[in-house]
């Protein structure tokens, strides 16, 4: 679950300009699904758990975070902000899957 949280915190790399919040569903190749709400204050909440800080590099299409002392970055194939935008992602821990923007608030 921690690995999913870390990789999920990166799915937002699919979003070049942050809204007040952006919700992304990560469907890992392993079959697990995680929903993360990314806020423009630099925090992300997975399935209602405690917020985790993240950084985003639009040029590299990458989001990075540290959870329980473990760093991880997710790199996305494409960068998009629209609800419905779907893109493959891979993480530095070897996970992969599909990230889908499911909601945005301003």
C-alpha atoms as a PDB file:
ATOM      1  CA  UNK A   1       0.000   0.000   0.000  1.00  0.00           C
ATOM      2  CA  UNK A   2       2.880   2.394   0.771  1.00  0.00           C
ATOM      3  CA  UNK A   3       4.340   1.762  -2.673  1.00  0.00           C
ATOM      4  CA  UNK A   4       0.970   2.553  -4.255  1.00  0.00           C
ATOM      5  CA  UNK A   5       0.735   5.773  -2.203  1.00  0.00           C
ATOM      6  CA  UNK A   6       4.153   6.877  -3.321  1.00  0.00           C
ATOM      7  CA  UNK A   7       3.575   6.078  -6.976  1.00  0.00           C
ATOM      8  CA  UNK A   8       0.125   7.554  -6.837  1.00  0.00           C
ATOM      9  CA  UNK A   9       1.431  10.774  -5.466  1.00  0.00           C
ATOM     10  CA  UNK A  10       3.175  11.111  -8.754  1.00  0.00           C
ATOM     11  CA  UNK A  11       0.320  10.703 -11.070  1.00  0.00           C
ATOM     12  CA  UNK A  12      -0.347  14.335 -10.997  1.00  0.00           C
ATOM     13  CA  UNK A  13       2.570  14.774 -13.307  1.00  0.00           C
ATOM     14  CA  UNK A  14      -0.140  14.443 -15.889  1.00  0.00           C
ATOM     15  CA  UNK A  15      -1.245  17.950 -14.923  1.00  0.00           C
ATOM     16  CA  UNK A  16       0.721  21.005 -16.052  1.00  0.00           C
ATOM     17  CA  UNK A  17      -1.256  23.659 -14.210  1.00  0.00           C
ATOM     18  CA  UNK A  18      -2.736  22.819 -10.851  1.00  0.00           C
ATOM     19  CA  UNK A  19      -6.282  23.712  -9.939  1.00  0.00           C
ATOM     20  CA  UNK A  20      -7.285  24.072  -6.277  1.00  0.00           C
ATOM     21  CA  UNK A  21      -7.427  20.280  -6.338  1.00  0.00           C
ATOM     22  CA  UNK A  22      -7.124  17.570  -8.919  1.00  0.00           C
ATOM     23  CA  UNK A  23      -8.262  13.993  -8.389  1.00  0.00           C
ATOM     24  CA  UNK A  24      -6.378  11.228 -10.159  1.00  0.00           C
ATOM     25  CA  UNK A  25      -7.111   7.517 -10.221  1.00  0.00           C
ATOM     26  CA  UNK A  26      -4.065   5.283 -10.546  1.00  0.00           C
ATOM     27  CA  UNK A  27      -4.674   1.827 -11.906  1.00  0.00           C
ATOM     28  CA  UNK A  28      -1.483  -0.128 -11.294  1.00  0.00           C
ATOM     29  CA  UNK A  29      -0.519  -2.995 -13.568  1.00  0.00           C
ATOM     30  CA  UNK A  30      -0.811  -5.202 -10.463  1.00  0.00           C
ATOM     31  CA  UNK A  31      -4.560  -4.525 -10.429  1.00  0.00           C
ATOM     32  CA  UNK A  32      -4.630  -2.152  -7.434  1.00  0.00           C
ATOM     33  CA  UNK A  33      -6.469   1.150  -7.818  1.00  0.00           C
ATOM     34  CA  UNK A  34      -5.764   4.249  -5.757  1.00  0.00           C
ATOM     35  CA  UNK A  35      -7.490   7.634  -5.818  1.00  0.00           C
ATOM     36  CA  UNK A  36      -5.356  10.643  -4.883  1.00  0.00           C
ATOM     37  CA  UNK A  37      -6.469  14.247  -4.471  1.00  0.00           C
ATOM     38  CA  UNK A  38      -3.634  16.664  -5.264  1.00  0.00           C
ATOM     39  CA  UNK A  39      -3.964  20.165  -3.837  1.00  0.00           C
ATOM     40  CA  UNK A  40      -2.265  23.274  -5.156  1.00  0.00           C
ATOM     41  CA  UNK A  41      -0.622  23.700  -1.732  1.00  0.00           C
ATOM     42  CA  UNK A  42       1.753  20.851  -2.630  1.00  0.00           C
ATOM     43  CA  UNK A  43       0.033  18.094  -0.666  1.00  0.00           C
ATOM     44  CA  UNK A  44      -1.710  14.944  -1.813  1.00  0.00           C
ATOM     45  CA  UNK A  45      -4.248  12.783   0.037  1.00  0.00           C
ATOM     46  CA  UNK A  46      -4.697   9.127  -0.874  1.00  0.00           C
ATOM     47  CA  UNK A  47      -7.979   7.472   0.061  1.00  0.00           C
ATOM     48  CA  UNK A  48      -8.514   9.957   2.927  1.00  0.00           C
ATOM     49  CA  UNK A  49      -5.179   9.270   4.640  1.00  0.00           C
ATOM     50  CA  UNK A  50      -2.807  11.926   5.999  1.00  0.00           C
ATOM     51  CA  UNK A  51      -1.524  14.469   3.432  1.00  0.00           C
ATOM     52  CA  UNK A  52       1.877  13.848   1.836  1.00  0.00           C
ATOM     53  CA  UNK A  53       4.057  16.567   0.297  1.00  0.00           C
ATOM     54  CA  UNK A  54       4.975  16.219  -3.377  1.00  0.00           C
ATOM     55  CA  UNK A  55       6.955  18.112  -6.002  1.00  0.00           C
ATOM     56  CA  UNK A  56       6.083  18.354  -9.672  1.00  0.00           C
ATOM     57  CA  UNK A  57       8.380  18.934 -12.658  1.00  0.00           C
ATOM     58  CA  UNK A  58       6.235  19.698 -15.706  1.00  0.00           C
ATOM     59  CA  UNK A  59       9.174  19.620 -18.116  1.00  0.00           C
ATOM     60  CA  UNK A  60      10.200  16.133 -17.009  1.00  0.00           C
ATOM     61  CA  UNK A  61       6.518  15.044 -16.665  1.00  0.00           C
ATOM     62  CA  UNK A  62       7.388  13.815 -13.193  1.00  0.00           C
ATOM     63  CA  UNK A  63       6.066  13.948  -9.626  1.00  0.00           C
ATOM     64  CA  UNK A  64       8.175  12.984  -6.631  1.00  0.00           C
ATOM     65  CA  UNK A  65       7.396  12.335  -2.983  1.00  0.00           C
ATOM     66  CA  UNK A  66       8.804  10.711   0.135  1.00  0.00           C
ATOM     67  CA  UNK A  67       6.594   8.443   2.245  1.00  0.00           C
ATOM     68  CA  UNK A  68       7.851   6.768   5.416  1.00  0.00           C
ATOM     69  CA  UNK A  69      11.408   7.729   4.457  1.00  0.00           C
ATOM     70  CA  UNK A  70      11.112   6.134   1.020  1.00  0.00           C
ATOM     71  CA  UNK A  71      11.557   8.406  -2.007  1.00  0.00           C
ATOM     72  CA  UNK A  72       9.856   7.668  -5.309  1.00  0.00           C
ATOM     73  CA  UNK A  73       9.150   9.492  -8.546  1.00  0.00           C
ATOM     74  CA  UNK A  74       6.545   8.772 -11.189  1.00  0.00           C
ATOM     75  CA  UNK A  75       7.126   9.737 -14.798  1.00  0.00           C
ATOM     76  CA  UNK A  76       4.178  10.133 -17.146  1.00  0.00           C
ATOM     77  CA  UNK A  77       4.050   9.575 -20.909  1.00  0.00           C
ATOM     78  CA  UNK A  78       1.895  12.660 -21.526  1.00  0.00           C
ATOM     79  CA  UNK A  79       0.977  15.810 -19.654  1.00  0.00           C
ATOM     80  CA  UNK A  80      -2.679  16.890 -19.533  1.00  0.00           C
ATOM     81  CA  UNK A  81      -5.120  18.737 -17.283  1.00  0.00           C
ATOM     82  CA  UNK A  82      -8.558  17.847 -18.577  1.00  0.00           C
ATOM     83  CA  UNK A  83     -10.863  15.526 -16.701  1.00  0.00           C
ATOM     84  CA  UNK A  84     -10.654  12.237 -18.573  1.00  0.00           C
ATOM     85  CA  UNK A  85      -6.991  12.657 -19.534  1.00  0.00           C
ATOM     86  CA  UNK A  86      -5.351   9.225 -19.323  1.00  0.00           C
ATOM     87  CA  UNK A  87      -1.649   8.455 -19.487  1.00  0.00           C
ATOM     88  CA  UNK A  88       0.690   5.573 -18.711  1.00  0.00           C
ATOM     89  CA  UNK A  89       3.160   6.080 -15.863  1.00  0.00           C
ATOM     90  CA  UNK A  90       6.207   4.322 -14.439  1.00  0.00           C
ATOM     91  CA  UNK A  91       7.897   4.800 -11.068  1.00  0.00           C
ATOM     92  CA  UNK A  92      11.472   4.673  -9.875  1.00  0.00           C
ATOM     93  CA  UNK A  93      10.444   1.641  -7.799  1.00  0.00           C
ATOM     94  CA  UNK A  94       9.522  -0.311 -10.923  1.00  0.00           C
ATOM     95  CA  UNK A  95       5.735   0.032 -10.760  1.00  0.00           C
ATOM     96  CA  UNK A  96       3.632   1.045 -13.757  1.00  0.00           C
ATOM     97  CA  UNK A  97       0.044   1.576 -14.773  1.00  0.00           C
ATOM     98  CA  UNK A  98      -2.444   4.112 -16.070  1.00  0.00           C
ATOM     99  CA  UNK A  99      -3.285   7.455 -14.430  1.00  0.00           C
ATOM    100  CA  UNK A 100      -6.629   9.130 -15.183  1.00  0.00           C
ATOM    101  CA  UNK A 101      -7.724  12.630 -14.156  1.00  0.00           C
ATOM    102  CA  UNK A 102     -11.203  12.138 -12.697  1.00  0.00           C
ATOM    103  CA  UNK A 103     -12.050  15.567 -11.196  1.00  0.00           C
ATOM    104  CA  UNK A 104     -10.823  19.154 -10.747  1.00  0.00           C
ATOM    105  CA  UNK A 105     -11.868  22.093  -8.569  1.00  0.00           C
ATOM    106  CA  UNK A 106     -10.866  25.713  -8.951  1.00  0.00           C
END
